[in-house]
Amino acid sequence: MHFQLTEDQRALRDGTRELLAGRFGRDRLRAAVGDPGLDRALWRELGAAGFFALRLPEEAGGVGLGLPEAVLVHEEAGRALLPGPLVACQLLAGAVDGVASGEKIVGLCEGERAPVLWEHPADCDELILVEGGAGRAAHGSGGEPGDEAGGEAGGARGRTGGAFRSASDRVACAPFASVDPLTPLAQVTDLPRTEPLTLDVPRLRREAALLTAAQQLGSAARTVEMAVRHAREREQFGAPVGSFQAIKHLCAQMLVRAEMARSAVYAASVTESALDVTAAKLLADEAAVANARDCLQVHGGMGFTWEADVHLHLKRAWLRAARWEVAREAEELLAAGLIA
């Protein structure tokens, strides 16, 4: 299969990068560390640019593109460390009025995961809770979208899942410490399940995992760039530290991880196979976390300081790795797929 980006896809990627560089550059990033509230004007600008309506049909006011294009824009968002429930708003743009235009911000929670965590609770207008639709039953024995050959284990709800919406002021929650200073969290303690929302929950979970993997990919690629730039500029013993073999190996391993994750994420966006998405999330999580750690090592003592941006990539990578198919779940699903 030919996975090279088309001209239009490259233009979309470059345009997204240019938009984010202009509206969420390093100064804005560092300012957001101290004040992580979302910028509503920026959110509406993203909506006007088609970020959230990217996959809605044109007759519904969308852009009419597909999952591969959504992966590209989320990769750029991950590269820029853009905060906010981007994945939730992209996936719910056609289900909740006002989300596609950026006028409304919605959160998305997994009901079965303990604790149930809500990102940016103070900024969200609504919260959507999804339950069921995960695990082997949702994947099916062959791992294909919509394949429910996994049998009756877990019942119909386990295979198809359910979703409920609630206004933010009706959600009971408690403060929860976040490892990422750019992503405030709250623990949901009670959410009224009185307003069901018709969604294909297994598909939503699958696409949430893939778009989260795309963000991880963007962060992994960005830390490669940061490490290489520092290795070229920083000198020790009269030579750039990048000339030392140990640093060369670290940077080479970082590039290999990022490119392996890129291949897996791009392929999964085309096949939409559940097992391909699971593998992509696993590889992207590993690349984002390990690359941020190695980037910190390349920076040396400077990498441990608050002023360097390396720790922000590492903390965001940790946070995303705990969302939508964590490593242990992904490994079990892939093992089950191999022996099925």
C-alpha atoms as a PDB file:
ATOM      1  CA  MET A   1       0.000   0.000   0.000  1.00  0.00           C
ATOM      2  CA  HIS A   2       1.136   3.567  -0.702  1.00  0.00           C
ATOM      3  CA  PHE A   3       1.181   5.624   2.493  1.00  0.00           C
ATOM      4  CA  GLN A   4       2.836   8.780   1.167  1.00  0.00           C
ATOM      5  CA  LEU A   5       0.838  11.910   1.913  1.00  0.00           C
ATOM      6  CA  THR A   6      -1.014  13.509  -0.960  1.00  0.00           C
ATOM      7  CA  GLU A   7      -0.464  17.140  -1.884  1.00  0.00           C
ATOM      8  CA  ASP A   8      -3.702  18.113  -0.158  1.00  0.00           C
ATOM      9  CA  GLN A   9      -2.743  16.214   2.982  1.00  0.00           C
ATOM     10  CA  ARG A  10       0.652  17.913   3.116  1.00  0.00           C
ATOM     11  CA  ALA A  11      -1.055  21.283   2.690  1.00  0.00           C
ATOM     12  CA  LEU A  12      -3.446  20.436   5.537  1.00  0.00           C
ATOM     13  CA  ARG A  13      -0.570  19.392   7.792  1.00  0.00           C
ATOM     14  CA  ASP A  14       1.506  22.474   6.970  1.00  0.00           C
ATOM     15  CA  GLY A  15      -1.475  24.793   7.354  1.00  0.00           C
ATOM     16  CA  THR A  16      -2.312  23.336  10.760  1.00  0.00           C
ATOM     17  CA  ARG A  17       1.295  23.703  11.885  1.00  0.00           C
ATOM     18  CA  GLU A  18       1.375  27.314  10.714  1.00  0.00           C
ATOM     19  CA  LEU A  19      -1.914  28.112  12.470  1.00  0.00           C
ATOM     20  CA  LEU A  20      -0.760  26.598  15.757  1.00  0.00           C
ATOM     21  CA  ALA A  21       2.666  28.245  15.564  1.00  0.00           C
ATOM     22  CA  GLY A  22       0.978  31.619  15.122  1.00  0.00           C
ATOM     23  CA  ARG A  23      -1.734  31.179  17.767  1.00  0.00           C
ATOM     24  CA  PHE A  24      -0.092  28.849  20.288  1.00  0.00           C
ATOM     25  CA  GLY A  25       3.642  29.452  20.119  1.00  0.00           C
ATOM     26  CA  ARG A  26       6.115  28.944  22.941  1.00  0.00           C
ATOM     27  CA  ASP A  27       5.147  32.134  24.790  1.00  0.00           C
ATOM     28  CA  ARG A  28       1.509  31.079  24.873  1.00  0.00           C
ATOM     29  CA  LEU A  29       2.518  27.562  25.878  1.00  0.00           C
ATOM     30  CA  ARG A  30       4.522  28.797  28.857  1.00  0.00           C
ATOM     31  CA  ALA A  31       1.762  31.207  29.840  1.00  0.00           C
ATOM     32  CA  ALA A  32      -0.724  28.328  29.798  1.00  0.00           C
ATOM     33  CA  VAL A  33       1.423  26.434  32.303  1.00  0.00           C
ATOM     34  CA  GLY A  34       0.581  29.080  34.894  1.00  0.00           C
ATOM     35  CA  ASP A  35      -3.008  29.542  33.723  1.00  0.00           C
ATOM     36  CA  PRO A  36      -4.297  26.341  32.082  1.00  0.00           C
ATOM     37  CA  GLY A  37      -7.777  27.679  31.319  1.00  0.00           C
ATOM     38  CA  LEU A  38      -8.689  27.245  27.661  1.00  0.00           C
ATOM     39  CA  ASP A  39      -8.695  30.228  25.305  1.00  0.00           C
ATOM     40  CA  ARG A  40     -12.244  30.384  23.923  1.00  0.00           C
ATOM     41  CA  ALA A  41     -11.162  32.701  21.109  1.00  0.00           C
ATOM     42  CA  LEU A  42      -8.549  30.169  19.997  1.00  0.00           C
ATOM     43  CA  TRP A  43     -11.120  27.369  20.284  1.00  0.00           C
ATOM     44  CA  ARG A  44     -13.516  29.265  18.013  1.00  0.00           C
ATOM     45  CA  GLU A  45     -10.671  29.942  15.592  1.00  0.00           C
ATOM     46  CA  LEU A  46      -9.935  26.221  15.465  1.00  0.00           C
ATOM     47  CA  GLY A  47     -13.623  25.646  14.786  1.00  0.00           C
ATOM     48  CA  ALA A  48     -13.631  28.225  11.989  1.00  0.00           C
ATOM     49  CA  ALA A  49     -10.576  26.537  10.478  1.00  0.00           C
ATOM     50  CA  GLY A  50     -12.491  23.228  10.354  1.00  0.00           C
ATOM     51  CA  PHE A  51     -10.473  21.439  13.053  1.00  0.00           C
ATOM     52  CA  PHE A  52     -13.547  19.919  14.721  1.00  0.00           C
ATOM     53  CA  ALA A  53     -15.791  19.646  11.640  1.00  0.00           C
ATOM     54  CA  LEU A  54     -13.041  18.042   9.585  1.00  0.00           C
ATOM     55  CA  ARG A  55     -14.902  14.764   9.108  1.00  0.00           C
ATOM     56  CA  LEU A  56     -18.459  16.038   8.919  1.00  0.00           C
ATOM     57  CA  PRO A  57     -19.978  15.938   5.428  1.00  0.00           C
ATOM     58  CA  GLU A  58     -19.958  19.193   3.508  1.00  0.00           C
ATOM     59  CA  GLU A  59     -23.771  19.331   3.383  1.00  0.00           C
ATOM     60  CA  ALA A  60     -23.698  19.364   7.212  1.00  0.00           C
ATOM     61  CA  GLY A  61     -21.252  22.286   7.249  1.00  0.00           C
ATOM     62  CA  GLY A  62     -18.155  20.139   7.567  1.00  0.00           C
ATOM     63  CA  VAL A  63     -14.999  19.743   5.530  1.00  0.00           C
ATOM     64  CA  GLY A  64     -15.783  16.242   4.275  1.00  0.00           C
ATOM     65  CA  LEU A  65     -12.394  14.662   4.934  1.00  0.00           C
ATOM     66  CA  GLY A  66     -11.573  11.357   6.576  1.00  0.00           C
ATOM     67  CA  LEU A  67      -9.776   9.705   9.457  1.00  0.00           C
ATOM     68  CA  PRO A  68      -6.271  10.001   7.897  1.00  0.00           C
ATOM     69  CA  GLU A  69      -6.681  13.789   7.742  1.00  0.00           C
ATOM     70  CA  ALA A  70      -7.937  13.893  11.335  1.00  0.00           C
ATOM     71  CA  VAL A  71      -4.799  11.995  12.340  1.00  0.00           C
ATOM     72  CA  LEU A  72      -2.617  14.609  10.637  1.00  0.00           C
ATOM     73  CA  VAL A  73      -4.165  17.576  12.444  1.00  0.00           C
ATOM     74  CA  HIS A  74      -4.026  15.807  15.810  1.00  0.00           C
ATOM     75  CA  GLU A  75      -0.399  14.950  15.187  1.00  0.00           C
ATOM     76  CA  GLU A  76       0.291  18.667  14.763  1.00  0.00           C
ATOM     77  CA  ALA A  77      -1.702  19.449  17.910  1.00  0.00           C
ATOM     78  CA  GLY A  78       0.406  16.928  19.816  1.00  0.00           C
ATOM     79  CA  ARG A  79       3.575  18.444  18.418  1.00  0.00           C
ATOM     80  CA  ALA A  80       2.513  21.891  19.705  1.00  0.00           C
ATOM     81  CA  LEU A  81       1.271  20.495  23.069  1.00  0.00           C
ATOM     82  CA  LEU A  82      -2.048  22.221  22.385  1.00  0.00           C
ATOM     83  CA  PRO A  83      -4.197  21.645  25.496  1.00  0.00           C
ATOM     84  CA  GLY A  84      -7.884  20.874  25.663  1.00  0.00           C
ATOM     85  CA  PRO A  85     -10.346  18.048  24.883  1.00  0.00           C
ATOM     86  CA  LEU A  86      -9.462  18.080  21.177  1.00  0.00           C
ATOM     87  CA  VAL A  87     -10.208  14.399  20.620  1.00  0.00           C
ATOM     88  CA  ALA A  88     -13.599  14.674  22.324  1.00  0.00           C
ATOM     89  CA  CYS A  89     -14.633  17.713  20.279  1.00  0.00           C
ATOM     90  CA  GLN A  90     -13.501  16.136  17.013  1.00  0.00           C
ATOM     91  CA  LEU A  91     -15.462  12.945  17.690  1.00  0.00           C
ATOM     92  CA  LEU A  92     -18.592  14.659  19.021  1.00  0.00           C
ATOM     93  CA  ALA A  93     -18.799  17.490  16.472  1.00  0.00           C
ATOM     94  CA  GLY A  94     -21.734  15.835  14.727  1.00  0.00           C
ATOM     95  CA  ALA A  95     -23.513  14.746  17.902  1.00  0.00           C
ATOM     96  CA  VAL A  96     -23.551  17.881  20.080  1.00  0.00           C
ATOM     97  CA  ASP A  97     -24.647  21.236  18.659  1.00  0.00           C
ATOM     98  CA  GLY A  98     -22.065  24.018  18.773  1.00  0.00           C
ATOM     99  CA  VAL A  99     -19.018  21.756  19.031  1.00  0.00           C
ATOM    100  CA  ALA A 100     -18.127  21.840  15.332  1.00  0.00           C
ATOM    101  CA  SER A 101     -17.907  25.636  15.327  1.00  0.00           C
ATOM    102  CA  GLY A 102     -15.900  25.790  18.535  1.00  0.00           C
ATOM    103  CA  GLU A 103     -18.679  27.626  20.376  1.00  0.00           C
ATOM    104  CA  LYS A 104     -19.140  24.724  22.780  1.00  0.00           C
ATOM    105  CA  ILE A 105     -16.496  22.556  24.488  1.00  0.00           C
ATOM    106  CA  VAL A 106     -17.342  19.010  25.551  1.00  0.00           C
ATOM    107  CA  GLY A 107     -15.466  16.478  27.626  1.00  0.00           C
ATOM    108  CA  LEU A 108     -15.417  12.715  27.189  1.00  0.00           C
ATOM    109  CA  CYS A 109     -14.990  10.167  29.989  1.00  0.00           C
ATOM    110  CA  GLU A 110     -14.665   6.403  30.165  1.00  0.00           C
ATOM    111  CA  GLY A 111     -17.182   5.132  32.686  1.00  0.00           C
ATOM    112  CA  GLU A 112     -15.479   1.828  33.481  1.00  0.00           C
ATOM    113  CA  ARG A 113     -12.024   3.214  34.223  1.00  0.00           C
ATOM    114  CA  ALA A 114     -11.280   3.995  37.861  1.00  0.00           C
ATOM    115  CA  PRO A 115     -11.002   6.775  38.657  1.00  0.00           C
ATOM    116  CA  VAL A 116     -13.269   8.415  36.076  1.00  0.00           C
ATOM    117  CA  LEU A 117     -11.285  11.487  35.068  1.00  0.00           C
ATOM    118  CA  TRP A 118     -12.559  14.617  33.345  1.00  0.00           C
ATOM    119  CA  GLU A 119     -10.128  16.892  31.518  1.00  0.00           C
ATOM    120  CA  HIS A 120     -10.577  20.680  31.759  1.00  0.00           C
ATOM    121  CA  PRO A 121     -13.774  20.455  33.839  1.00  0.00           C
ATOM    122  CA  ALA A 122     -13.973  24.231  34.369  1.00  0.00           C
ATOM    123  CA  ASP A 123     -13.937  24.878  30.607  1.00  0.00           C
ATOM    124  CA  CYS A 124     -16.389  22.223  29.400  1.00  0.00           C
ATOM    125  CA  ASP A 125     -20.029  23.025  28.712  1.00  0.00           C
ATOM    126  CA  GLU A 126     -21.068  19.362  28.689  1.00  0.00           C
ATOM    127  CA  LEU A 127     -19.651  15.998  29.665  1.00  0.00           C
ATOM    128  CA  ILE A 128     -20.240  12.799  27.699  1.00  0.00           C
ATOM    129  CA  LEU A 129     -19.798   9.512  29.552  1.00  0.00           C
ATOM    130  CA  VAL A 130     -19.273   6.311  27.561  1.00  0.00           C
ATOM    131  CA  GLU A 131     -19.712   2.850  29.020  1.00  0.00           C
ATOM    132  CA  GLY A 132     -19.126  -0.554  27.442  1.00  0.00           C
ATOM    133  CA  GLY A 133     -18.002  -1.097  23.879  1.00  0.00           C
ATOM    134  CA  ALA A 134     -14.447  -1.905  24.960  1.00  0.00           C
ATOM    135  CA  GLY A 135     -12.349  -5.033  25.191  1.00  0.00           C
ATOM    136  CA  ARG A 136     -12.208  -8.169  23.101  1.00  0.00           C
ATOM    137  CA  ALA A 137     -15.957  -8.376  22.571  1.00  0.00           C
ATOM    138  CA  ALA A 138     -15.971  -4.966  20.946  1.00  0.00           C
ATOM    139  CA  HIS A 139     -12.927  -5.816  18.849  1.00  0.00           C
ATOM    140  CA  GLY A 140     -14.226  -9.141  17.628  1.00  0.00           C
ATOM    141  CA  SER A 141     -12.056 -12.178  16.990  1.00  0.00           C
ATOM    142  CA  GLY A 142     -10.648 -10.762  13.803  1.00  0.00           C
ATOM    143  CA  GLY A 143     -10.257  -7.214  15.048  1.00  0.00           C
ATOM    144  CA  GLU A 144     -12.236  -5.636  12.218  1.00  0.00           C
ATOM    145  CA  PRO A 145     -14.492  -2.623  12.646  1.00  0.00           C
ATOM    146  CA  GLY A 146     -18.001  -3.665  13.617  1.00  0.00           C
ATOM    147  CA  ASP A 147     -17.010  -7.337  13.933  1.00  0.00           C
ATOM    148  CA  GLU A 148     -18.811  -8.609  17.015  1.00  0.00           C
ATOM    149  CA  ALA A 149     -17.797 -12.232  16.666  1.00  0.00           C
ATOM    150  CA  GLY A 150     -16.369 -12.165  20.164  1.00  0.00           C
ATOM    151  CA  GLY A 151     -19.451 -13.994  21.435  1.00  0.00           C
ATOM    152  CA  GLU A 152     -21.943 -13.096  24.127  1.00  0.00           C
ATOM    153  CA  ALA A 153     -19.376 -12.450  26.864  1.00  0.00           C
ATOM    154  CA  GLY A 154     -20.289  -9.193  28.563  1.00  0.00           C
ATOM    155  CA  GLY A 155     -23.764  -9.060  27.035  1.00  0.00           C
ATOM    156  CA  ALA A 156     -25.080  -6.695  24.411  1.00  0.00           C
ATOM    157  CA  ARG A 157     -24.089  -3.662  26.425  1.00  0.00           C
ATOM    158  CA  GLY A 158     -20.477  -4.899  26.558  1.00  0.00           C
ATOM    159  CA  ARG A 159     -20.397  -5.117  22.774  1.00  0.00           C
ATOM    160  CA  THR A 160     -22.258  -1.970  21.796  1.00  0.00           C
ATOM    161  CA  GLY A 161     -21.879   0.263  24.833  1.00  0.00           C
ATOM    162  CA  GLY A 162     -23.866   3.311  25.805  1.00  0.00           C
ATOM    163  CA  ALA A 163     -23.311   7.063  26.053  1.00  0.00           C
ATOM    164  CA  PHE A 164     -24.891   9.724  28.245  1.00  0.00           C
ATOM    165  CA  ARG A 165     -24.650  13.515  28.136  1.00  0.00           C
ATOM    166  CA  SER A 166     -24.921  15.960  30.968  1.00  0.00           C
ATOM    167  CA  ALA A 167     -24.499  19.696  31.478  1.00  0.00           C
ATOM    168  CA  SER A 168     -21.304  20.399  33.369  1.00  0.00           C
ATOM    169  CA  ASP A 169     -23.106  21.896  36.377  1.00  0.00           C
ATOM    170  CA  ARG A 170     -24.990  18.626  36.915  1.00  0.00           C
ATOM    171  CA  VAL A 171     -21.834  16.536  37.248  1.00  0.00           C
ATOM    172  CA  ALA A 172     -20.573  15.832  40.754  1.00  0.00           C
ATOM    173  CA  CYS A 173     -16.795  15.811  40.836  1.00  0.00           C
ATOM    174  CA  ALA A 174     -13.844  16.166  43.159  1.00  0.00           C
ATOM    175  CA  PRO A 175     -10.425  17.778  42.599  1.00  0.00           C
ATOM    176  CA  PHE A 176      -7.771  15.452  41.211  1.00  0.00           C
ATOM    177  CA  ALA A 177      -4.055  16.235  40.939  1.00  0.00           C
ATOM    178  CA  SER A 178      -2.815  16.191  37.344  1.00  0.00           C
ATOM    179  CA  VAL A 179       0.718  15.281  36.354  1.00  0.00           C
ATOM    180  CA  ASP A 180       0.372  17.652  33.378  1.00  0.00           C
ATOM    181  CA  PRO A 181       0.234  21.348  34.379  1.00  0.00           C
ATOM    182  CA  LEU A 182      -1.558  22.106  31.089  1.00  0.00           C
ATOM    183  CA  THR A 183      -4.394  19.624  31.736  1.00  0.00           C
ATOM    184  CA  PRO A 184      -6.496  20.199  34.862  1.00  0.00           C
ATOM    185  CA  LEU A 185      -8.386  17.101  35.986  1.00  0.00           C
ATOM    186  CA  ALA A 186     -11.392  16.311  38.138  1.00  0.00           C
ATOM    187  CA  GLN A 187     -12.637  12.937  39.355  1.00  0.00           C
ATOM    188  CA  VAL A 188     -16.255  12.326  38.422  1.00  0.00           C
ATOM    189  CA  THR A 189     -18.117  10.982  41.456  1.00  0.00           C
ATOM    190  CA  ASP A 190     -21.637  11.051  40.035  1.00  0.00           C
ATOM    191  CA  LEU A 191     -23.117  11.782  36.605  1.00  0.00           C
ATOM    192  CA  PRO A 192     -26.861  11.668  35.892  1.00  0.00           C
ATOM    193  CA  ARG A 193     -27.581   9.027  33.233  1.00  0.00           C
ATOM    194  CA  THR A 194     -30.925  10.543  32.271  1.00  0.00           C
ATOM    195  CA  GLU A 195     -30.077  11.771  28.752  1.00  0.00           C
ATOM    196  CA  PRO A 196     -28.777   8.986  26.477  1.00  0.00           C
ATOM    197  CA  LEU A 197     -26.792   9.956  23.409  1.00  0.00           C
ATOM    198  CA  THR A 198     -26.933   7.802  20.297  1.00  0.00           C
ATOM    199  CA  LEU A 199     -23.336   6.965  19.414  1.00  0.00           C
ATOM    200  CA  ASP A 200     -21.435   4.039  17.950  1.00  0.00           C
ATOM    201  CA  VAL A 201     -19.443   3.569  21.161  1.00  0.00           C
ATOM    202  CA  PRO A 202     -17.010   0.862  19.954  1.00  0.00           C
ATOM    203  CA  ARG A 203     -16.135   3.032  16.944  1.00  0.00           C
ATOM    204  CA  LEU A 204     -15.830   6.137  19.128  1.00  0.00           C
ATOM    205  CA  ARG A 205     -13.447   4.312  21.470  1.00  0.00           C
ATOM    206  CA  ARG A 206     -11.394   3.046  18.562  1.00  0.00           C
ATOM    207  CA  GLU A 207     -11.102   6.484  16.982  1.00  0.00           C
ATOM    208  CA  ALA A 208     -10.396   8.148  20.332  1.00  0.00           C
ATOM    209  CA  ALA A 209      -7.482   5.755  20.809  1.00  0.00           C
ATOM    210  CA  LEU A 210      -6.170   6.471  17.315  1.00  0.00           C
ATOM    211  CA  LEU A 211      -6.417  10.264  17.581  1.00  0.00           C
ATOM    212  CA  THR A 212      -4.748  10.112  20.991  1.00  0.00           C
ATOM    213  CA  ALA A 213      -2.006   8.008  19.389  1.00  0.00           C
ATOM    214  CA  ALA A 214      -1.640  10.697  16.712  1.00  0.00           C
ATOM    215  CA  GLN A 215      -1.078  13.297  19.434  1.00  0.00           C
ATOM    216  CA  GLN A 216       1.530  11.036  21.015  1.00  0.00           C
ATOM    217  CA  LEU A 217       3.202  10.687  17.620  1.00  0.00           C
ATOM    218  CA  GLY A 218       3.389  14.466  17.245  1.00  0.00           C
ATOM    219  CA  SER A 219       5.021  14.790  20.655  1.00  0.00           C
ATOM    220  CA  ALA A 220       7.478  11.950  19.901  1.00  0.00           C
ATOM    221  CA  ALA A 221       8.525  13.606  16.635  1.00  0.00           C
ATOM    222  CA  ARG A 222       8.882  16.993  18.313  1.00  0.00           C
ATOM    223  CA  THR A 223      11.185  15.657  21.037  1.00  0.00           C
ATOM    224  CA  VAL A 224      13.404  14.149  18.335  1.00  0.00           C
ATOM    225  CA  GLU A 225      13.742  17.630  16.819  1.00  0.00           C
ATOM    226  CA  MET A 226      14.444  19.173  20.227  1.00  0.00           C
ATOM    227  CA  ALA A 227      17.126  16.606  21.060  1.00  0.00           C
ATOM    228  CA  VAL A 228      18.882  16.903  17.693  1.00  0.00           C
ATOM    229  CA  ARG A 229      18.865  20.697  17.827  1.00  0.00           C
ATOM    230  CA  HIS A 230      20.367  20.713  21.317  1.00  0.00           C
ATOM    231  CA  ALA A 231      22.953  18.084  20.359  1.00  0.00           C
ATOM    232  CA  ARG A 232      24.088  20.299  17.476  1.00  0.00           C
ATOM    233  CA  GLU A 233      24.264  23.496  19.522  1.00  0.00           C
ATOM    234  CA  ARG A 234      25.597  22.330  22.891  1.00  0.00           C
ATOM    235  CA  GLU A 235      29.368  21.903  23.079  1.00  0.00           C
ATOM    236  CA  GLN A 236      31.557  19.933  25.472  1.00  0.00           C
ATOM    237  CA  PHE A 237      35.326  19.527  25.240  1.00  0.00           C
ATOM    238  CA  GLY A 238      35.339  21.821  22.212  1.00  0.00           C
ATOM    239  CA  ALA A 239      32.888  19.721  20.156  1.00  0.00           C
ATOM    240  CA  PRO A 240      29.097  19.486  19.764  1.00  0.00           C
ATOM    241  CA  VAL A 241      27.699  16.837  22.104  1.00  0.00           C
ATOM    242  CA  GLY A 242      25.985  15.344  19.062  1.00  0.00           C
ATOM    243  CA  SER A 243      29.367  14.125  17.875  1.00  0.00           C
ATOM    244  CA  PHE A 244      29.598  11.760  20.861  1.00  0.00           C
ATOM    245  CA  GLN A 245      28.553   8.195  20.125  1.00  0.00           C
ATOM    246  CA  ALA A 246      26.258   7.859  23.142  1.00  0.00           C
ATOM    247  CA  ILE A 247      24.255  10.914  22.063  1.00  0.00           C
ATOM    248  CA  LYS A 248      24.137   9.713  18.456  1.00  0.00           C
ATOM    249  CA  HIS A 249      22.667   6.409  19.610  1.00  0.00           C
ATOM    250  CA  LEU A 250      20.043   8.102  21.774  1.00  0.00           C
ATOM    251  CA  CYS A 251      18.922  10.346  18.911  1.00  0.00           C
ATOM    252  CA  ALA A 252      18.890   7.442  16.435  1.00  0.00           C
ATOM    253  CA  GLN A 253      16.750   5.327  18.775  1.00  0.00           C
ATOM    254  CA  MET A 254      14.353   8.239  19.217  1.00  0.00           C
ATOM    255  CA  LEU A 255      13.956   8.601  15.452  1.00  0.00           C
ATOM    256  CA  VAL A 256      13.351   4.864  15.010  1.00  0.00           C
ATOM    257  CA  ARG A 257      10.619   4.896  17.670  1.00  0.00           C
ATOM    258  CA  ALA A 258       8.901   7.918  16.148  1.00  0.00           C
ATOM    259  CA  GLU A 259       8.956   6.511  12.613  1.00  0.00           C
ATOM    260  CA  MET A 260       7.698   3.093  13.727  1.00  0.00           C
ATOM    261  CA  ALA A 261       4.830   4.810  15.512  1.00  0.00           C
ATOM    262  CA  ARG A 262       4.164   6.986  12.459  1.00  0.00           C
ATOM    263  CA  SER A 263       3.878   3.950  10.189  1.00  0.00           C
ATOM    264  CA  ALA A 264       1.509   2.220  12.606  1.00  0.00           C
ATOM    265  CA  VAL A 265      -0.688   5.299  13.195  1.00  0.00           C
ATOM    266  CA  TYR A 266      -0.954   6.204   9.513  1.00  0.00           C
ATOM    267  CA  ALA A 267      -1.717   2.598   8.545  1.00  0.00           C
ATOM    268  CA  ALA A 268      -4.405   2.261  11.218  1.00  0.00           C
ATOM    269  CA  SER A 269      -6.065   5.448   9.960  1.00  0.00           C
ATOM    270  CA  VAL A 270      -6.458   3.774   6.562  1.00  0.00           C
ATOM    271  CA  THR A 271      -7.411   0.236   7.608  1.00  0.00           C
ATOM    272  CA  GLU A 272      -9.478   1.295  10.670  1.00  0.00           C
ATOM    273  CA  SER A 273      -8.889  -2.228  11.981  1.00  0.00           C
ATOM    274  CA  ALA A 274      -9.361  -2.398  15.751  1.00  0.00           C
ATOM    275  CA  LEU A 275      -6.181  -4.421  16.232  1.00  0.00           C
ATOM    276  CA  ASP A 276      -4.208  -2.014  14.035  1.00  0.00           C
ATOM    277  CA  VAL A 277      -5.461   0.874  16.168  1.00  0.00           C
ATOM    278  CA  THR A 278      -4.483  -0.988  19.335  1.00  0.00           C
ATOM    279  CA  ALA A 279      -0.967  -1.597  17.996  1.00  0.00           C
ATOM    280  CA  ALA A 280      -0.681   2.040  16.909  1.00  0.00           C
ATOM    281  CA  LYS A 281      -1.676   3.318  20.350  1.00  0.00           C
ATOM    282  CA  LEU A 282       0.805   0.985  22.045  1.00  0.00           C
ATOM    283  CA  LEU A 283       3.693   2.054  19.793  1.00  0.00           C
ATOM    284  CA  ALA A 284       2.817   5.749  19.942  1.00  0.00           C
ATOM    285  CA  ASP A 285       2.604   5.723  23.740  1.00  0.00           C
ATOM    286  CA  GLU A 286       5.986   4.015  23.955  1.00  0.00           C
ATOM    287  CA  ALA A 287       7.526   6.467  21.486  1.00  0.00           C
ATOM    288  CA  ALA A 288       6.158   9.568  23.239  1.00  0.00           C
ATOM    289  CA  VAL A 289       7.218   8.536  26.741  1.00  0.00           C
ATOM    290  CA  ALA A 290      10.587   7.020  25.837  1.00  0.00           C
ATOM    291  CA  ASN A 291      11.504   9.862  23.465  1.00  0.00           C
ATOM    292  CA  ALA A 292      10.703  12.493  26.076  1.00  0.00           C
ATOM    293  CA  ARG A 293      12.896  10.625  28.573  1.00  0.00           C
ATOM    294  CA  ASP A 294      15.767  10.355  26.090  1.00  0.00           C
ATOM    295  CA  CYS A 295      15.335  13.999  25.062  1.00  0.00           C
ATOM    296  CA  LEU A 296      15.752  14.904  28.706  1.00  0.00           C
ATOM    297  CA  GLN A 297      18.969  12.855  28.831  1.00  0.00           C
ATOM    298  CA  VAL A 298      20.341  14.576  25.737  1.00  0.00           C
ATOM    299  CA  HIS A 299      19.687  17.962  27.359  1.00  0.00           C
ATOM    300  CA  GLY A 300      21.577  16.871  30.478  1.00  0.00           C
ATOM    301  CA  GLY A 301      21.100  18.982  33.610  1.00  0.00           C
ATOM    302  CA  MET A 302      19.218  21.609  31.601  1.00  0.00           C
ATOM    303  CA  GLY A 303      16.560  19.053  30.730  1.00  0.00           C
ATOM    304  CA  PHE A 304      15.525  18.743  34.385  1.00  0.00           C
ATOM    305  CA  THR A 305      14.786  22.453  34.748  1.00  0.00           C
ATOM    306  CA  TRP A 306      11.312  24.014  34.728  1.00  0.00           C
ATOM    307  CA  GLU A 307      12.408  26.458  32.007  1.00  0.00           C
ATOM    308  CA  ALA A 308      13.019  23.675  29.462  1.00  0.00           C
ATOM    309  CA  ASP A 309       9.947  22.334  27.636  1.00  0.00           C
ATOM    310  CA  VAL A 310      11.050  18.700  27.787  1.00  0.00           C
ATOM    311  CA  HIS A 311       9.175  17.957  31.010  1.00  0.00           C
ATOM    312  CA  LEU A 312       5.932  19.235  29.463  1.00  0.00           C
ATOM    313  CA  HIS A 313       6.178  16.638  26.684  1.00  0.00           C
ATOM    314  CA  LEU A 314       6.950  13.880  29.190  1.00  0.00           C
ATOM    315  CA  LYS A 315       4.051  14.786  31.474  1.00  0.00           C
ATOM    316  CA  ARG A 316       1.587  15.041  28.580  1.00  0.00           C
ATOM    317  CA  ALA A 317       2.822  11.687  27.253  1.00  0.00           C
ATOM    318  CA  TRP A 318       2.226  10.062  30.636  1.00  0.00           C
ATOM    319  CA  LEU A 319      -1.280  11.505  30.744  1.00  0.00           C
ATOM    320  CA  ARG A 320      -2.228  10.359  27.229  1.00  0.00           C
ATOM    321  CA  ALA A 321      -0.746   6.904  27.790  1.00  0.00           C
ATOM    322  CA  ALA A 322      -3.337   6.415  30.535  1.00  0.00           C
ATOM    323  CA  ARG A 323      -6.245   7.193  28.200  1.00  0.00           C
ATOM    324  CA  TRP A 324      -8.071   4.970  25.656  1.00  0.00           C
ATOM    325  CA  GLU A 325      -6.399   1.558  25.805  1.00  0.00           C
ATOM    326  CA  VAL A 326      -3.498   1.659  28.223  1.00  0.00           C
ATOM    327  CA  ALA A 327      -0.475  -0.564  27.571  1.00  0.00           C
ATOM    328  CA  ARG A 328      -1.606  -3.599  29.563  1.00  0.00           C
ATOM    329  CA  GLU A 329      -5.010  -3.601  27.835  1.00  0.00           C
ATOM    330  CA  ALA A 330      -3.443  -3.170  24.403  1.00  0.00           C
ATOM    331  CA  GLU A 331      -1.011  -6.031  24.980  1.00  0.00           C
ATOM    332  CA  GLU A 332      -3.816  -8.369  26.057  1.00  0.00           C
ATOM    333  CA  LEU A 333      -5.956  -7.439  23.045  1.00  0.00           C
ATOM    334  CA  LEU A 334      -3.077  -7.939  20.624  1.00  0.00           C
ATOM    335  CA  ALA A 335      -2.178 -11.297  22.204  1.00  0.00           C
ATOM    336  CA  ALA A 336      -5.808 -12.420  21.956  1.00  0.00           C
ATOM    337  CA  GLY A 337      -5.877 -11.336  18.311  1.00  0.00           C
ATOM    338  CA  LEU A 338      -2.745 -13.337  17.507  1.00  0.00           C
ATOM    339  CA  ILE A 339      -4.074 -16.594  18.964  1.00  0.00           C
ATOM    340  CA  ALA A 340      -7.665 -16.209  17.762  1.00  0.00           C
END
